[in-house]
Amino acid sequence: MSFAADAEMQFLDRFLFAVYLTIAVGMCHWQVTGGAGFIGSHLVDALMLMGHEVTVVDNFFTGRKRNVEHWIGHENFELITHDIVTPLHLESRY
């Protein structure tokens, strides 16, 4: 197995473990930086399909709005255009 394939499997194992823990705990609010990118948008899709609340923060330098536009308007989804190089202060709903 190549180094890239091994790293990908380790990422997948960690991701699936996080998903398992999330299911065991119940609904959560997730903030996904880079959520409009290739990997981030797939994570957003998985979290939204599990019924979680998701806030995506992306500057759209490499990410594309079309990757998450199907969630715009959903009550559990929020999209913030912001570059995380500068601080972002969000108020908690809880």
Protein backbone atom coordinates (compact mmCIF):
# COMPACT_ATOMS: atom_id res chain seq x y z
CA MET A 1 0.00 0.00 0.00
CA SER A 2 1.39 3.44 -0.91
CA PHE A 3 1.92 6.20 1.62
CA ALA A 4 -0.97 8.21 0.13
CA ALA A 5 -3.35 5.26 0.29
CA ASP A 6 -2.29 4.54 3.88
CA ALA A 7 -2.82 8.18 4.89
CA GLU A 8 -6.23 8.17 3.20
CA MET A 9 -7.25 5.03 5.10
CA GLN A 10 -6.12 6.59 8.40
CA PHE A 11 -8.18 9.70 7.64
CA LEU A 12 -11.20 7.57 6.77
CA ASP A 13 -10.83 5.53 9.96
CA ARG A 14 -10.72 8.71 12.06
CA PHE A 15 -13.64 10.23 10.17
CA LEU A 16 -15.79 7.12 10.56
CA PHE A 17 -14.92 6.95 14.27
CA ALA A 18 -15.99 10.60 14.65
CA VAL A 19 -19.24 9.82 12.84
CA TYR A 20 -19.80 6.83 15.13
CA LEU A 21 -19.24 8.99 18.23
CA THR A 22 -21.57 11.64 16.88
CA ILE A 23 -24.33 9.11 16.31
CA ALA A 24 -23.87 7.78 19.83
CA VAL A 25 -23.99 11.26 21.36
CA GLY A 26 -26.86 12.66 19.30
CA MET A 27 -27.34 15.84 17.30
CA CYS A 28 -24.52 18.39 17.47
CA HIS A 29 -23.67 21.76 15.99
CA TRP A 30 -20.61 21.54 13.73
CA GLN A 31 -18.49 24.35 12.31
CA VAL A 32 -16.65 23.29 9.16
CA THR A 33 -13.89 25.59 7.94
CA GLY A 34 -13.28 25.11 4.25
CA GLY A 35 -16.72 23.54 4.01
CA ALA A 36 -17.21 24.58 0.38
CA GLY A 37 -14.10 22.71 -0.75
CA PHE A 38 -14.00 19.15 -2.05
CA ILE A 39 -13.39 17.34 1.24
CA GLY A 40 -15.24 19.85 3.40
CA SER A 41 -18.40 19.73 1.29
CA HIS A 42 -18.53 15.94 1.57
CA LEU A 43 -18.17 16.25 5.34
CA VAL A 44 -20.98 18.83 5.34
CA ASP A 45 -23.20 16.51 3.29
CA ALA A 46 -22.61 13.63 5.70
CA LEU A 47 -23.31 15.76 8.77
CA MET A 48 -26.44 17.32 7.28
CA LEU A 49 -27.81 13.93 6.24
CA MET A 50 -27.33 12.77 9.84
CA GLY A 51 -29.50 15.68 11.00
CA HIS A 52 -26.81 17.88 12.55
CA GLU A 53 -26.66 21.66 12.51
CA VAL A 54 -23.74 22.84 10.36
CA THR A 55 -22.07 26.22 9.98
CA VAL A 56 -19.71 26.46 7.02
CA VAL A 57 -16.97 29.09 7.08
CA ASP A 58 -15.16 29.49 3.76
CA ASN A 59 -13.34 32.26 1.90
CA PHE A 60 -14.01 30.63 -1.50
CA PHE A 61 -10.39 30.93 -2.65
CA THR A 62 -10.43 27.27 -3.69
CA GLY A 63 -13.88 26.16 -2.51
CA ARG A 64 -16.98 26.64 -4.62
CA LYS A 65 -20.42 27.78 -3.46
CA ARG A 66 -22.01 25.22 -5.77
CA ASN A 67 -20.59 22.47 -3.53
CA VAL A 68 -22.94 23.48 -0.70
CA GLU A 69 -25.68 25.48 -2.43
CA HIS A 70 -28.13 22.59 -2.15
CA TRP A 71 -28.14 23.17 1.65
CA ILE A 72 -28.75 26.94 1.47
CA GLY A 73 -32.16 27.66 2.98
CA HIS A 74 -32.16 24.53 5.15
CA GLU A 75 -32.92 25.34 8.79
CA ASN A 76 -29.85 23.43 10.04
CA PHE A 77 -27.38 25.09 7.67
CA GLU A 78 -25.54 28.39 7.80
CA LEU A 79 -22.92 29.68 5.33
CA ILE A 80 -20.45 32.38 6.35
CA THR A 81 -18.02 33.91 3.85
CA HIS A 82 -14.91 34.63 5.90
CA ASP A 83 -11.15 34.09 5.78
CA ILE A 84 -10.11 32.36 9.01
CA VAL A 85 -6.78 34.23 8.94
CA THR A 86 -8.71 37.00 10.72
CA PRO A 87 -10.62 36.15 13.91
CA LEU A 88 -14.27 35.26 13.65
CA HIS A 89 -16.41 35.77 16.73
CA LEU A 90 -19.65 33.80 16.76
CA GLU A 91 -22.27 33.75 19.47
CA SER A 92 -23.39 30.38 20.68
CA ARG A 93 -27.05 29.46 20.44
CA TYR A 94 -26.75 27.29 23.51
